[in-house]
Amino acid sequence: MKQGIHPKYFDNCQVTCTCGNTFTTGSTIEKIEVDVCSQCHPFFTGQQKFVDIKGRIDKFNEKLAKGKVYAAAKKTKKSN
């Protein structure tokens, strides 16, 4: 390895999850904060968490409906 070009490596990097779980690993960053870990991720826990975010299909259908309303309003303006 070339000297002086690699970042400093921390053997005791502390990883903290929003669920409160902490563990130690090696990294080039001294402290890491994550949103999801193996203690709270649905794949590992087997529990499904519902998120209050609309799905991609719902968003698309909303945009499609707005587009139809806009097109109808534009068409009635032209005819008047």
N, C-alpha and C. Protein backbone atom coordinates (compact mmCIF):
# COMPACT_ATOMS: atom_id res chain seq x y z
N MET A 1 0.83 -1.19 0.00
CA MET A 1 0.00 0.00 0.00
C MET A 1 0.87 1.24 0.00
N LYS A 2 0.42 2.27 -0.70
CA LYS A 2 1.13 3.54 -0.67
C LYS A 2 0.88 4.22 0.66
N GLN A 3 1.85 4.90 1.14
CA GLN A 3 1.75 5.60 2.42
C GLN A 3 1.11 6.97 2.24
N GLY A 4 0.24 7.37 3.18
CA GLY A 4 -0.31 8.72 3.21
C GLY A 4 -1.52 8.96 2.33
N ILE A 5 -2.04 7.96 1.62
CA ILE A 5 -3.20 8.21 0.76
C ILE A 5 -4.47 7.54 1.28
N HIS A 6 -4.36 6.69 2.27
CA HIS A 6 -5.52 5.96 2.77
C HIS A 6 -6.09 6.65 4.00
N PRO A 7 -7.43 6.61 4.17
CA PRO A 7 -8.04 7.24 5.34
C PRO A 7 -7.70 6.47 6.61
N LYS A 8 -7.83 7.14 7.73
CA LYS A 8 -7.58 6.50 9.02
C LYS A 8 -8.67 5.46 9.28
N TYR A 9 -8.29 4.30 9.78
CA TYR A 9 -9.23 3.21 10.06
C TYR A 9 -9.44 3.08 11.56
N PHE A 10 -10.70 3.06 11.98
CA PHE A 10 -11.05 2.94 13.39
C PHE A 10 -11.53 1.51 13.65
N ASP A 11 -10.83 0.79 14.52
CA ASP A 11 -11.21 -0.58 14.86
C ASP A 11 -12.45 -0.61 15.75
N ASN A 12 -12.67 0.44 16.51
CA ASN A 12 -13.78 0.48 17.45
C ASN A 12 -14.82 1.52 17.05
N CYS A 13 -15.33 1.43 15.84
CA CYS A 13 -16.37 2.34 15.37
C CYS A 13 -17.68 1.97 16.06
N GLN A 14 -18.32 2.95 16.70
CA GLN A 14 -19.57 2.72 17.42
C GLN A 14 -20.74 3.02 16.49
N VAL A 15 -21.58 2.02 16.22
CA VAL A 15 -22.77 2.17 15.38
C VAL A 15 -23.99 2.24 16.29
N THR A 16 -24.81 3.30 16.12
CA THR A 16 -25.99 3.50 16.94
C THR A 16 -27.22 3.56 16.04
N CYS A 17 -28.23 2.76 16.37
CA CYS A 17 -29.48 2.74 15.61
C CYS A 17 -30.52 3.59 16.33
N THR A 18 -31.55 4.03 15.59
CA THR A 18 -32.61 4.83 16.20
C THR A 18 -33.44 4.02 17.19
N CYS A 19 -33.40 2.68 17.07
CA CYS A 19 -34.15 1.83 18.01
C CYS A 19 -33.42 1.70 19.35
N GLY A 20 -32.17 2.18 19.42
CA GLY A 20 -31.41 2.12 20.66
C GLY A 20 -30.32 1.07 20.66
N ASN A 21 -30.30 0.21 19.66
CA ASN A 21 -29.29 -0.83 19.57
C ASN A 21 -27.94 -0.21 19.20
N THR A 22 -26.87 -0.66 19.85
CA THR A 22 -25.52 -0.22 19.51
C THR A 22 -24.62 -1.43 19.36
N PHE A 23 -23.66 -1.31 18.46
CA PHE A 23 -22.65 -2.35 18.30
C PHE A 23 -21.37 -1.73 17.77
N THR A 24 -20.29 -2.48 17.85
CA THR A 24 -18.97 -1.99 17.45
C THR A 24 -18.51 -2.74 16.21
N THR A 25 -17.91 -2.00 15.29
CA THR A 25 -17.38 -2.58 14.06
C THR A 25 -16.16 -1.78 13.64
N GLY A 26 -15.56 -2.12 12.52
CA GLY A 26 -14.45 -1.36 11.99
C GLY A 26 -14.90 -0.49 10.84
N SER A 27 -14.40 0.75 10.77
CA SER A 27 -14.81 1.67 9.71
C SER A 27 -13.82 2.81 9.61
N THR A 28 -13.96 3.59 8.54
CA THR A 28 -13.15 4.79 8.40
C THR A 28 -13.81 5.99 9.06
N ILE A 29 -15.02 5.77 9.62
CA ILE A 29 -15.74 6.81 10.34
C ILE A 29 -15.78 6.40 11.81
N GLU A 30 -15.57 7.35 12.71
CA GLU A 30 -15.48 7.02 14.14
C GLU A 30 -16.82 6.64 14.76
N LYS A 31 -17.89 7.36 14.39
CA LYS A 31 -19.24 7.08 14.91
C LYS A 31 -20.22 7.08 13.75
N ILE A 32 -21.14 6.10 13.72
CA ILE A 32 -22.14 5.99 12.67
C ILE A 32 -23.51 5.91 13.31
N GLU A 33 -24.48 6.68 12.77
CA GLU A 33 -25.86 6.61 13.22
C GLU A 33 -26.70 6.10 12.06
N VAL A 34 -27.48 5.03 12.30
CA VAL A 34 -28.29 4.43 11.26
C VAL A 34 -29.76 4.45 11.66
N ASP A 35 -30.65 4.34 10.67
CA ASP A 35 -32.10 4.35 10.92
C ASP A 35 -32.62 2.94 11.21
N VAL A 36 -32.03 1.93 10.56
CA VAL A 36 -32.52 0.56 10.68
C VAL A 36 -31.32 -0.36 10.89
N CYS A 37 -31.47 -1.32 11.80
CA CYS A 37 -30.43 -2.30 12.03
C CYS A 37 -31.05 -3.70 12.04
N SER A 38 -30.25 -4.71 12.30
CA SER A 38 -30.76 -6.08 12.29
C SER A 38 -31.72 -6.35 13.45
N GLN A 39 -31.70 -5.51 14.47
CA GLN A 39 -32.61 -5.69 15.61
C GLN A 39 -34.00 -5.15 15.34
N CYS A 40 -34.14 -4.22 14.39
CA CYS A 40 -35.45 -3.61 14.15
C CYS A 40 -35.93 -3.74 12.71
N HIS A 41 -35.13 -4.30 11.81
CA HIS A 41 -35.54 -4.45 10.41
C HIS A 41 -36.55 -5.58 10.29
N PRO A 42 -37.66 -5.38 9.55
CA PRO A 42 -38.70 -6.41 9.43
C PRO A 42 -38.20 -7.73 8.86
N PHE A 43 -37.21 -7.71 8.01
CA PHE A 43 -36.68 -8.96 7.44
C PHE A 43 -36.11 -9.84 8.53
N PHE A 44 -35.41 -9.26 9.49
CA PHE A 44 -34.77 -10.02 10.55
C PHE A 44 -35.72 -10.31 11.72
N THR A 45 -36.66 -9.40 11.99
CA THR A 45 -37.55 -9.58 13.13
C THR A 45 -38.79 -10.39 12.79
N GLY A 46 -39.18 -10.41 11.51
CA GLY A 46 -40.39 -11.12 11.11
C GLY A 46 -41.65 -10.34 11.38
N GLN A 47 -41.54 -9.08 11.81
CA GLN A 47 -42.69 -8.24 12.09
C GLN A 47 -42.78 -7.16 11.03
N GLN A 48 -43.96 -7.00 10.46
CA GLN A 48 -44.16 -5.99 9.44
C GLN A 48 -44.46 -4.66 10.10
N LYS A 49 -43.77 -3.61 9.68
CA LYS A 49 -44.05 -2.26 10.15
C LYS A 49 -44.71 -1.50 9.01
N PHE A 50 -45.79 -0.80 9.32
CA PHE A 50 -46.47 -0.02 8.30
C PHE A 50 -45.97 1.41 8.37
N VAL A 51 -45.66 1.96 7.22
CA VAL A 51 -45.14 3.31 7.13
C VAL A 51 -46.23 4.18 6.54
N ASP A 52 -46.34 5.41 6.98
CA ASP A 52 -47.39 6.32 6.53
C ASP A 52 -47.07 7.01 5.20
N ILE A 53 -46.36 6.34 4.34
CA ILE A 53 -46.01 6.93 3.05
C ILE A 53 -46.84 6.26 1.98
N LYS A 54 -47.37 7.07 1.09
CA LYS A 54 -48.17 6.52 0.00
C LYS A 54 -47.29 5.71 -0.93
N GLY A 55 -47.86 4.69 -1.49
CA GLY A 55 -47.14 3.85 -2.43
C GLY A 55 -46.97 4.52 -3.77
N ARG A 56 -46.14 3.94 -4.61
CA ARG A 56 -45.85 4.51 -5.92
C ARG A 56 -47.09 4.52 -6.81
N ILE A 57 -47.91 3.48 -6.70
CA ILE A 57 -49.11 3.39 -7.53
C ILE A 57 -50.11 4.46 -7.12
N ASP A 58 -50.27 4.67 -5.81
CA ASP A 58 -51.18 5.70 -5.33
C ASP A 58 -50.75 7.08 -5.81
N LYS A 59 -49.45 7.36 -5.74
CA LYS A 59 -48.94 8.65 -6.22
C LYS A 59 -49.21 8.82 -7.71
N PHE A 60 -48.98 7.75 -8.48
CA PHE A 60 -49.22 7.82 -9.92
C PHE A 60 -50.68 8.07 -10.21
N ASN A 61 -51.58 7.37 -9.54
CA ASN A 61 -53.02 7.56 -9.76
C ASN A 61 -53.45 8.97 -9.41
N GLU A 62 -52.87 9.56 -8.36
CA GLU A 62 -53.19 10.95 -8.00
C GLU A 62 -52.76 11.91 -9.11
N LYS A 63 -51.54 11.71 -9.62
CA LYS A 63 -51.05 12.57 -10.70
C LYS A 63 -51.91 12.42 -11.94
N LEU A 64 -52.32 11.20 -12.24
CA LEU A 64 -53.16 10.95 -13.40
C LEU A 64 -54.50 11.65 -13.27
N ALA A 65 -55.10 11.59 -12.09
CA ALA A 65 -56.38 12.25 -11.85
C ALA A 65 -56.24 13.77 -11.96
N LYS A 66 -55.16 14.34 -11.42
CA LYS A 66 -54.93 15.78 -11.53
C LYS A 66 -54.76 16.18 -12.99
N GLY A 67 -54.07 15.34 -13.76
CA GLY A 67 -53.87 15.63 -15.17
C GLY A 67 -55.18 15.64 -15.94
N LYS A 68 -56.08 14.72 -15.62
CA LYS A 68 -57.39 14.68 -16.29
C LYS A 68 -58.21 15.90 -15.95
N VAL A 69 -58.17 16.32 -14.68
CA VAL A 69 -58.90 17.52 -14.26
C VAL A 69 -58.34 18.74 -14.97
N TYR A 70 -57.02 18.83 -15.05
CA TYR A 70 -56.38 19.96 -15.73
C TYR A 70 -56.75 19.98 -17.21
N ALA A 71 -56.71 18.82 -17.86
CA ALA A 71 -57.04 18.74 -19.29
C ALA A 71 -58.50 19.13 -19.53
N ALA A 72 -59.40 18.70 -18.66
CA ALA A 72 -60.82 19.04 -18.81
C ALA A 72 -61.02 20.53 -18.62
N ALA A 73 -60.36 21.14 -17.64
CA ALA A 73 -60.48 22.57 -17.40
C ALA A 73 -59.93 23.36 -18.59
N LYS A 74 -58.85 22.90 -19.15
CA LYS A 74 -58.24 23.57 -20.30
C LYS A 74 -59.15 23.48 -21.52
N LYS A 75 -59.79 22.34 -21.69
CA LYS A 75 -60.67 22.12 -22.83
C LYS A 75 -61.90 23.03 -22.72
N THR A 76 -62.46 23.20 -21.52
CA THR A 76 -63.64 24.06 -21.34
C THR A 76 -63.26 25.52 -21.52
N LYS A 77 -62.04 25.91 -21.19
CA LYS A 77 -61.60 27.29 -21.40
C LYS A 77 -61.51 27.61 -22.89
N LYS A 78 -60.98 26.64 -23.67
CA LYS A 78 -60.85 26.85 -25.10
C LYS A 78 -62.20 26.97 -25.79
N SER A 79 -63.17 26.20 -25.33
CA SER A 79 -64.49 26.21 -25.97
C SER A 79 -65.27 27.47 -25.64
N ASN A 80 -64.93 28.14 -24.53
CA ASN A 80 -65.65 29.36 -24.15
C ASN A 80 -65.14 30.52 -24.88
